[in-house]
PDB file of N, CA and C in Angstrom:
ATOM      1  N   MET A   1      40.730 -10.473 -21.582  1.00  0.00           N
ATOM      2  CA  MET A   1      41.306  -9.292 -22.176  1.00  0.00           C
ATOM      3  C   MET A   1      40.171  -8.375 -22.601  1.00  0.00           C
ATOM      4  N   LEU A   2      40.365  -7.090 -22.419  1.00  0.00           N
ATOM      5  CA  LEU A   2      39.380  -6.092 -22.799  1.00  0.00           C
ATOM      6  C   LEU A   2      39.859  -5.303 -23.998  1.00  0.00           C
ATOM      7  N   ASP A   3      38.903  -4.877 -24.847  1.00  0.00           N
ATOM      8  CA  ASP A   3      39.281  -3.999 -25.949  1.00  0.00           C
ATOM      9  C   ASP A   3      39.261  -2.553 -25.447  1.00  0.00           C
ATOM     10  N   ALA A   4      39.508  -1.593 -26.334  1.00  0.00           N
ATOM     11  CA  ALA A   4      39.597  -0.185 -25.943  1.00  0.00           C
ATOM     12  C   ALA A   4      38.302   0.336 -25.322  1.00  0.00           C
ATOM     13  N   ALA A   5      37.166  -0.232 -25.697  1.00  0.00           N
ATOM     14  CA  ALA A   5      35.876   0.200 -25.171  1.00  0.00           C
ATOM     15  C   ALA A   5      35.498  -0.533 -23.883  1.00  0.00           C
ATOM     16  N   GLY A   6      36.361  -1.424 -23.405  1.00  0.00           N
ATOM     17  CA  GLY A   6      36.107  -2.152 -22.168  1.00  0.00           C
ATOM     18  C   GLY A   6      35.279  -3.408 -22.339  1.00  0.00           C
ATOM     19  N   HIS A   7      35.144  -3.888 -23.576  1.00  0.00           N
ATOM     20  CA  HIS A   7      34.403  -5.117 -23.848  1.00  0.00           C
ATOM     21  C   HIS A   7      35.325  -6.327 -23.728  1.00  0.00           C
ATOM     22  N   VAL A   8      34.814  -7.397 -23.163  1.00  0.00           N
ATOM     23  CA  VAL A   8      35.592  -8.628 -23.039  1.00  0.00           C
ATOM     24  C   VAL A   8      35.705  -9.267 -24.415  1.00  0.00           C
ATOM     25  N   THR A   9      36.938  -9.455 -24.901  1.00  0.00           N
ATOM     26  CA  THR A   9      37.174 -10.065 -26.215  1.00  0.00           C
ATOM     27  C   THR A   9      37.858 -11.420 -26.108  1.00  0.00           C
ATOM     28  N   GLN A  10      38.522 -11.686 -24.987  1.00  0.00           N
ATOM     29  CA  GLN A  10      39.195 -12.966 -24.782  1.00  0.00           C
ATOM     30  C   GLN A  10      38.964 -13.419 -23.352  1.00  0.00           C
ATOM     31  N   ILE A  11      38.744 -14.726 -23.207  1.00  0.00           N
ATOM     32  CA  ILE A  11      38.596 -15.284 -21.871  1.00  0.00           C
ATOM     33  C   ILE A  11      39.346 -16.611 -21.822  1.00  0.00           C
ATOM     34  N   ASN A  12      40.098 -16.806 -20.740  1.00  0.00           N
ATOM     35  CA  ASN A  12      40.893 -18.009 -20.573  1.00  0.00           C
ATOM     36  C   ASN A  12      40.420 -18.746 -19.325  1.00  0.00           C
ATOM     37  N   LEU A  13      39.735 -19.864 -19.547  1.00  0.00           N
ATOM     38  CA  LEU A  13      39.253 -20.693 -18.438  1.00  0.00           C
ATOM     39  C   LEU A  13      39.992 -22.030 -18.419  1.00  0.00           C
ATOM     40  N   TYR A  14      41.240 -21.997 -18.831  1.00  0.00           N
ATOM     41  CA  TYR A  14      42.109 -23.175 -18.848  1.00  0.00           C
ATOM     42  C   TYR A  14      42.179 -23.789 -17.459  1.00  0.00           C
ATOM     43  N   SER A  15      41.928 -25.097 -17.383  1.00  0.00           N
ATOM     44  CA  SER A  15      42.095 -25.875 -16.157  1.00  0.00           C
ATOM     45  C   SER A  15      41.413 -25.242 -14.943  1.00  0.00           C
ATOM     46  N   ASN A  16      40.119 -24.943 -15.104  1.00  0.00           N
ATOM     47  CA  ASN A  16      39.336 -24.341 -14.030  1.00  0.00           C
ATOM     48  C   ASN A  16      38.354 -25.322 -13.396  1.00  0.00           C
ATOM     49  N   ASN A  17      38.546 -26.608 -13.638  1.00  0.00           N
ATOM     50  CA  ASN A  17      37.670 -27.641 -13.075  1.00  0.00           C
ATOM     51  C   ASN A  17      36.209 -27.473 -13.472  1.00  0.00           C
ATOM     52  N   LEU A  18      35.968 -26.933 -14.669  1.00  0.00           N
ATOM     53  CA  LEU A  18      34.603 -26.832 -15.180  1.00  0.00           C
ATOM     54  C   LEU A  18      34.157 -28.227 -15.597  1.00  0.00           C
ATOM     55  N   SER A  19      32.915 -28.575 -15.296  1.00  0.00           N
ATOM     56  CA  SER A  19      32.426 -29.894 -15.664  1.00  0.00           C
ATOM     57  C   SER A  19      31.017 -29.790 -16.234  1.00  0.00           C
ATOM     58  N   GLY A  20      30.591 -30.866 -16.891  1.00  0.00           N
ATOM     59  CA  GLY A  20      29.256 -30.882 -17.488  1.00  0.00           C
ATOM     60  C   GLY A  20      29.262 -30.219 -18.842  1.00  0.00           C
ATOM     61  N   LYS A  21      28.495 -29.132 -18.963  1.00  0.00           N
ATOM     62  CA  LYS A  21      28.403 -28.459 -20.254  1.00  0.00           C
ATOM     63  C   LYS A  21      29.113 -27.109 -20.215  1.00  0.00           C
ATOM     64  N   VAL A  22      29.269 -26.515 -21.387  1.00  0.00           N
ATOM     65  CA  VAL A  22      29.882 -25.189 -21.495  1.00  0.00           C
ATOM     66  C   VAL A  22      29.029 -24.207 -20.682  1.00  0.00           C
ATOM     67  N   PRO A  23      29.641 -23.384 -19.831  1.00  0.00           N
ATOM     68  CA  PRO A  23      28.873 -22.466 -18.985  1.00  0.00           C
ATOM     69  C   PRO A  23      28.002 -21.505 -19.800  1.00  0.00           C
ATOM     70  N   ALA A  24      26.728 -21.392 -19.426  1.00  0.00           N
ATOM     71  CA  ALA A  24      25.777 -20.526 -20.130  1.00  0.00           C
ATOM     72  C   ALA A  24      26.159 -19.051 -20.038  1.00  0.00           C
ATOM     73  N   GLU A  25      26.893 -18.672 -19.022  1.00  0.00           N
ATOM     74  CA  GLU A  25      27.281 -17.275 -18.832  1.00  0.00           C
ATOM     75  C   GLU A  25      28.135 -16.735 -19.971  1.00  0.00           C
ATOM     76  N   ILE A  26      28.739 -17.617 -20.719  1.00  0.00           N
ATOM     77  CA  ILE A  26      29.567 -17.197 -21.850  1.00  0.00           C
ATOM     78  C   ILE A  26      28.752 -16.379 -22.844  1.00  0.00           C
ATOM     79  N   ASN A  27      27.463 -16.693 -22.976  1.00  0.00           N
ATOM     80  CA  ASN A  27      26.607 -15.977 -23.918  1.00  0.00           C
ATOM     81  C   ASN A  27      26.358 -14.531 -23.527  1.00  0.00           C
ATOM     82  N   THR A  28      26.778 -14.127 -22.347  1.00  0.00           N
ATOM     83  CA  THR A  28      26.598 -12.743 -21.917  1.00  0.00           C
ATOM     84  C   THR A  28      27.776 -11.864 -22.354  1.00  0.00           C
ATOM     85  N   LEU A  29      28.671 -12.422 -23.153  1.00  0.00           N
ATOM     86  CA  LEU A  29      29.865 -11.704 -23.611  1.00  0.00           C
ATOM     87  C   LEU A  29      29.815 -11.563 -25.139  1.00  0.00           C
ATOM     88  N   PRO A  30      28.960 -10.695 -25.677  1.00  0.00           N
ATOM     89  CA  PRO A  30      28.717 -10.646 -27.117  1.00  0.00           C
ATOM     90  C   PRO A  30      29.924 -10.244 -27.970  1.00  0.00           C
ATOM     91  N   ASP A  31      30.940  -9.638 -27.375  1.00  0.00           N
ATOM     92  CA  ASP A  31      32.113  -9.212 -28.137  1.00  0.00           C
ATOM     93  C   ASP A  31      33.260 -10.217 -28.079  1.00  0.00           C
ATOM     94  N   LEU A  32      32.991 -11.358 -27.477  1.00  0.00           N
ATOM     95  CA  LEU A  32      34.020 -12.380 -27.308  1.00  0.00           C
ATOM     96  C   LEU A  32      34.551 -12.866 -28.659  1.00  0.00           C
ATOM     97  N   GLN A  33      35.870 -12.901 -28.782  1.00  0.00           N
ATOM     98  CA  GLN A  33      36.526 -13.364 -29.997  1.00  0.00           C
ATOM     99  C   GLN A  33      37.277 -14.672 -29.782  1.00  0.00           C
ATOM    100  N   THR A  34      37.778 -14.873 -28.575  1.00  0.00           N
ATOM    101  CA  THR A  34      38.581 -16.056 -28.265  1.00  0.00           C
ATOM    102  C   THR A  34      38.190 -16.590 -26.898  1.00  0.00           C
ATOM    103  N   ILE A  35      37.949 -17.908 -26.849  1.00  0.00           N
ATOM    104  CA  ILE A  35      37.671 -18.544 -25.559  1.00  0.00           C
ATOM    105  C   ILE A  35      38.494 -19.819 -25.444  1.00  0.00           C
ATOM    106  N   ASN A  36      39.162 -19.969 -24.311  1.00  0.00           N
ATOM    107  CA  ASN A  36      39.961 -21.153 -24.036  1.00  0.00           C
ATOM    108  C   ASN A  36      39.323 -21.905 -22.878  1.00  0.00           C
ATOM    109  N   LEU A  37      38.758 -23.064 -23.186  1.00  0.00           N
ATOM    110  CA  LEU A  37      38.154 -23.945 -22.182  1.00  0.00           C
ATOM    111  C   LEU A  37      38.950 -25.241 -22.060  1.00  0.00           C
ATOM    112  N   GLU A  38      40.200 -25.178 -22.419  1.00  0.00           N
ATOM    113  CA  GLU A  38      41.087 -26.350 -22.441  1.00  0.00           C
ATOM    114  C   GLU A  38      41.292 -26.939 -21.047  1.00  0.00           C
ATOM    115  N   SER A  39      41.440 -28.265 -21.005  1.00  0.00           N
ATOM    116  CA  SER A  39      41.813 -29.004 -19.796  1.00  0.00           C
ATOM    117  C   SER A  39      40.833 -28.804 -18.634  1.00  0.00           C
ATOM    118  N   ASN A  40      39.555 -29.007 -18.925  1.00  0.00           N
ATOM    119  CA  ASN A  40      38.517 -29.041 -17.902  1.00  0.00           C
ATOM    120  C   ASN A  40      37.884 -30.421 -17.958  1.00  0.00           C
ATOM    121  N   GLN A  41      36.694 -30.560 -17.431  1.00  0.00           N
ATOM    122  CA  GLN A  41      35.967 -31.824 -17.516  1.00  0.00           C
ATOM    123  C   GLN A  41      34.630 -31.624 -18.231  1.00  0.00           C
ATOM    124  N   ILE A  42      34.639 -30.803 -19.259  1.00  0.00           N
ATOM    125  CA  ILE A  42      33.427 -30.563 -20.039  1.00  0.00           C
ATOM    126  C   ILE A  42      33.110 -31.825 -20.829  1.00  0.00           C
ATOM    127  N   SER A  43      31.865 -32.276 -20.727  1.00  0.00           N
ATOM    128  CA  SER A  43      31.488 -33.531 -21.386  1.00  0.00           C
ATOM    129  C   SER A  43      30.495 -33.345 -22.520  1.00  0.00           C
ATOM    130  N   ARG A  44      29.836 -32.184 -22.576  1.00  0.00           N
ATOM    131  CA  ARG A  44      28.864 -31.968 -23.653  1.00  0.00           C
ATOM    132  C   ARG A  44      28.842 -30.501 -24.070  1.00  0.00           C
ATOM    133  N   ILE A  45      28.509 -30.307 -25.336  1.00  0.00           N
ATOM    134  CA  ILE A  45      28.346 -28.956 -25.867  1.00  0.00           C
ATOM    135  C   ILE A  45      26.961 -28.904 -26.478  1.00  0.00           C
ATOM    136  N   ASP A  46      26.069 -28.151 -25.839  1.00  0.00           N
ATOM    137  CA  ASP A  46      24.686 -28.079 -26.272  1.00  0.00           C
ATOM    138  C   ASP A  46      24.484 -27.056 -27.385  1.00  0.00           C
ATOM    139  N   THR A  47      23.406 -27.244 -28.142  1.00  0.00           N
ATOM    140  CA  THR A  47      22.990 -26.226 -29.103  1.00  0.00           C
ATOM    141  C   THR A  47      22.786 -24.931 -28.336  1.00  0.00           C
ATOM    142  N   GLY A  48      23.288 -23.849 -28.880  1.00  0.00           N
ATOM    143  CA  GLY A  48      23.152 -22.557 -28.224  1.00  0.00           C
ATOM    144  C   GLY A  48      24.266 -22.228 -27.254  1.00  0.00           C
ATOM    145  N   ALA A  49      25.215 -23.138 -27.080  1.00  0.00           N
ATOM    146  CA  ALA A  49      26.310 -22.884 -26.140  1.00  0.00           C
ATOM    147  C   ALA A  49      27.075 -21.609 -26.484  1.00  0.00           C
ATOM    148  N   PHE A  50      27.149 -21.292 -27.771  1.00  0.00           N
ATOM    149  CA  PHE A  50      27.874 -20.103 -28.212  1.00  0.00           C
ATOM    150  C   PHE A  50      26.947 -19.141 -28.956  1.00  0.00           C
ATOM    151  N   SER A  51      25.677 -19.221 -28.656  1.00  0.00           N
ATOM    152  CA  SER A  51      24.650 -18.413 -29.314  1.00  0.00           C
ATOM    153  C   SER A  51      24.887 -16.921 -29.100  1.00  0.00           C
ATOM    154  N   GLY A  52      24.773 -16.155 -30.179  1.00  0.00           N
ATOM    155  CA  GLY A  52      24.918 -14.707 -30.093  1.00  0.00           C
ATOM    156  C   GLY A  52      26.347 -14.212 -30.055  1.00  0.00           C
ATOM    157  N   LEU A  53      27.303 -15.112 -30.147  1.00  0.00           N
ATOM    158  CA  LEU A  53      28.717 -14.712 -30.119  1.00  0.00           C
ATOM    159  C   LEU A  53      29.220 -14.561 -31.550  1.00  0.00           C
ATOM    160  N   ASN A  54      28.725 -13.541 -32.212  1.00  0.00           N
ATOM    161  CA  ASN A  54      28.974 -13.343 -33.640  1.00  0.00           C
ATOM    162  C   ASN A  54      30.424 -13.035 -33.995  1.00  0.00           C
ATOM    163  N   TYR A  55      31.208 -12.593 -33.027  1.00  0.00           N
ATOM    164  CA  TYR A  55      32.609 -12.246 -33.286  1.00  0.00           C
ATOM    165  C   TYR A  55      33.583 -13.365 -32.918  1.00  0.00           C
ATOM    166  N   LEU A  56      33.044 -14.465 -32.415  1.00  0.00           N
ATOM    167  CA  LEU A  56      33.888 -15.560 -31.954  1.00  0.00           C
ATOM    168  C   LEU A  56      34.681 -16.165 -33.106  1.00  0.00           C
ATOM    169  N   ARG A  57      36.013 -16.186 -32.953  1.00  0.00           N
ATOM    170  CA  ARG A  57      36.911 -16.708 -33.987  1.00  0.00           C
ATOM    171  C   ARG A  57      37.640 -17.971 -33.553  1.00  0.00           C
ATOM    172  N   THR A  58      37.895 -18.098 -32.256  1.00  0.00           N
ATOM    173  CA  THR A  58      38.672 -19.240 -31.772  1.00  0.00           C
ATOM    174  C   THR A  58      38.016 -19.842 -30.534  1.00  0.00           C
ATOM    175  N   ILE A  59      37.794 -21.163 -30.595  1.00  0.00           N
ATOM    176  CA  ILE A  59      37.293 -21.915 -29.449  1.00  0.00           C
ATOM    177  C   ILE A  59      38.276 -23.058 -29.194  1.00  0.00           C
ATOM    178  N   THR A  60      38.820 -23.124 -27.992  1.00  0.00           N
ATOM    179  CA  THR A  60      39.745 -24.189 -27.628  1.00  0.00           C
ATOM    180  C   THR A  60      39.083 -25.055 -26.562  1.00  0.00           C
ATOM    181  N   LEU A  61      38.869 -26.327 -26.905  1.00  0.00           N
ATOM    182  CA  LEU A  61      38.196 -27.264 -26.010  1.00  0.00           C
ATOM    183  C   LEU A  61      38.989 -28.555 -25.813  1.00  0.00           C
ATOM    184  N   ASP A  62      40.219 -28.622 -26.325  1.00  0.00           N
ATOM    185  CA  ASP A  62      40.958 -29.873 -26.176  1.00  0.00           C
ATOM    186  C   ASP A  62      41.299 -30.119 -24.708  1.00  0.00           C
ATOM    187  N   GLY A  63      41.520 -31.380 -24.397  1.00  0.00           N
ATOM    188  CA  GLY A  63      41.822 -31.755 -23.029  1.00  0.00           C
ATOM    189  C   GLY A  63      40.590 -31.895 -22.153  1.00  0.00           C
ATOM    190  N   ASN A  64      39.411 -31.987 -22.769  1.00  0.00           N
ATOM    191  CA  ASN A  64      38.174 -32.225 -22.037  1.00  0.00           C
ATOM    192  C   ASN A  64      37.718 -33.654 -22.295  1.00  0.00           C
ATOM    193  N   GLN A  65      36.574 -34.008 -21.772  1.00  0.00           N
ATOM    194  CA  GLN A  65      36.025 -35.351 -21.936  1.00  0.00           C
ATOM    195  C   GLN A  65      34.724 -35.274 -22.724  1.00  0.00           C
ATOM    196  N   ILE A  66      34.752 -34.586 -23.843  1.00  0.00           N
ATOM    197  CA  ILE A  66      33.547 -34.322 -24.628  1.00  0.00           C
ATOM    198  C   ILE A  66      33.050 -35.609 -25.268  1.00  0.00           C
ATOM    199  N   SER A  67      31.809 -35.936 -24.962  1.00  0.00           N
ATOM    200  CA  SER A  67      31.189 -37.120 -25.548  1.00  0.00           C
ATOM    201  C   SER A  67      29.996 -36.752 -26.426  1.00  0.00           C
ATOM    202  N   THR A  68      29.451 -35.552 -26.251  1.00  0.00           N
ATOM    203  CA  THR A  68      28.284 -35.136 -27.014  1.00  0.00           C
ATOM    204  C   THR A  68      28.437 -33.702 -27.500  1.00  0.00           C
ATOM    205  N   ILE A  69      28.259 -33.526 -28.808  1.00  0.00           N
ATOM    206  CA  ILE A  69      28.182 -32.193 -29.401  1.00  0.00           C
ATOM    207  C   ILE A  69      26.891 -32.159 -30.199  1.00  0.00           C
ATOM    208  N   ASP A  70      25.947 -31.308 -29.783  1.00  0.00           N
ATOM    209  CA  ASP A  70      24.678 -31.212 -30.493  1.00  0.00           C
ATOM    210  C   ASP A  70      24.906 -30.755 -31.930  1.00  0.00           C
ATOM    211  N   GLU A  71      24.034 -31.192 -32.804  1.00  0.00           N
ATOM    212  CA  GLU A  71      24.178 -30.985 -34.240  1.00  0.00           C
ATOM    213  C   GLU A  71      24.325 -29.520 -34.645  1.00  0.00           C
ATOM    214  N   HIS A  72      23.610 -28.631 -34.016  1.00  0.00           N
ATOM    215  CA  HIS A  72      23.614 -27.220 -34.434  1.00  0.00           C
ATOM    216  C   HIS A  72      24.414 -26.320 -33.494  1.00  0.00           C
ATOM    217  N   THR A  73      25.320 -26.903 -32.753  1.00  0.00           N
ATOM    218  CA  THR A  73      26.103 -26.162 -31.765  1.00  0.00           C
ATOM    219  C   THR A  73      26.820 -24.953 -32.344  1.00  0.00           C
ATOM    220  N   PHE A  74      27.369 -25.087 -33.537  1.00  0.00           N
ATOM    221  CA  PHE A  74      28.197 -24.019 -34.082  1.00  0.00           C
ATOM    222  C   PHE A  74      27.485 -23.213 -35.168  1.00  0.00           C
ATOM    223  N   ASP A  75      26.175 -23.395 -35.307  1.00  0.00           N
ATOM    224  CA  ASP A  75      25.394 -22.606 -36.265  1.00  0.00           C
ATOM    225  C   ASP A  75      25.484 -21.123 -35.912  1.00  0.00           C
ATOM    226  N   GLY A  76      25.602 -20.298 -36.922  1.00  0.00           N
ATOM    227  CA  GLY A  76      25.639 -18.863 -36.717  1.00  0.00           C
ATOM    228  C   GLY A  76      27.001 -18.296 -36.381  1.00  0.00           C
ATOM    229  N   LEU A  77      27.996 -19.147 -36.259  1.00  0.00           N
ATOM    230  CA  LEU A  77      29.357 -18.661 -35.951  1.00  0.00           C
ATOM    231  C   LEU A  77      30.140 -18.513 -37.256  1.00  0.00           C
ATOM    232  N   SER A  78      29.707 -17.573 -38.068  1.00  0.00           N
ATOM    233  CA  SER A  78      30.292 -17.418 -39.401  1.00  0.00           C
ATOM    234  C   SER A  78      31.745 -16.957 -39.367  1.00  0.00           C
ATOM    235  N   GLY A  79      32.180 -16.334 -38.270  1.00  0.00           N
ATOM    236  CA  GLY A  79      33.561 -15.889 -38.168  1.00  0.00           C
ATOM    237  C   GLY A  79      34.505 -16.900 -37.554  1.00  0.00           C
ATOM    238  N   LEU A  80      33.984 -18.063 -37.162  1.00  0.00           N
ATOM    239  CA  LEU A  80      34.813 -19.073 -36.496  1.00  0.00           C
ATOM    240  C   LEU A  80      35.905 -19.579 -37.435  1.00  0.00           C
ATOM    241  N   LYS A  81      37.154 -19.449 -37.018  1.00  0.00           N
ATOM    242  CA  LYS A  81      38.305 -19.853 -37.832  1.00  0.00           C
ATOM    243  C   LYS A  81      39.042 -21.038 -37.231  1.00  0.00           C
ATOM    244  N   ASN A  82      39.044 -21.138 -35.896  1.00  0.00           N
ATOM    245  CA  ASN A  82      39.793 -22.193 -35.205  1.00  0.00           C
ATOM    246  C   ASN A  82      38.908 -22.869 -34.158  1.00  0.00           C
ATOM    247  N   LEU A  83      38.815 -24.189 -34.287  1.00  0.00           N
ATOM    248  CA  LEU A  83      38.085 -24.981 -33.319  1.00  0.00           C
ATOM    249  C   LEU A  83      38.967 -26.163 -32.934  1.00  0.00           C
ATOM    250  N   ASP A  84      39.447 -26.137 -31.706  1.00  0.00           N
ATOM    251  CA  ASP A  84      40.325 -27.204 -31.216  1.00  0.00           C
ATOM    252  C   ASP A  84      39.541 -28.087 -30.265  1.00  0.00           C
ATOM    253  N   LEU A  85      39.348 -29.344 -30.685  1.00  0.00           N
ATOM    254  CA  LEU A  85      38.644 -30.302 -29.849  1.00  0.00           C
ATOM    255  C   LEU A  85      39.622 -31.328 -29.318  1.00  0.00           C
TER     256      LEU A  85
END
């Protein structure tokens, strides 16, 4: 979804066969507020996975096979309100 200025604010990658770690390309969307990564095969969330996403409020990751979440993964996400694992 785009806001009035054409910035990406929501992205839905539900059941897209993503595997391994959270895609690094997500960090290129600085206005992102909501991301749905539900029902993929993501197994790890590295430090910096959501780096620079200061407006991020909702992260949905349930339905994955997450075995590792680095200690500082969510540092700097002061606006984060919902985290579904």
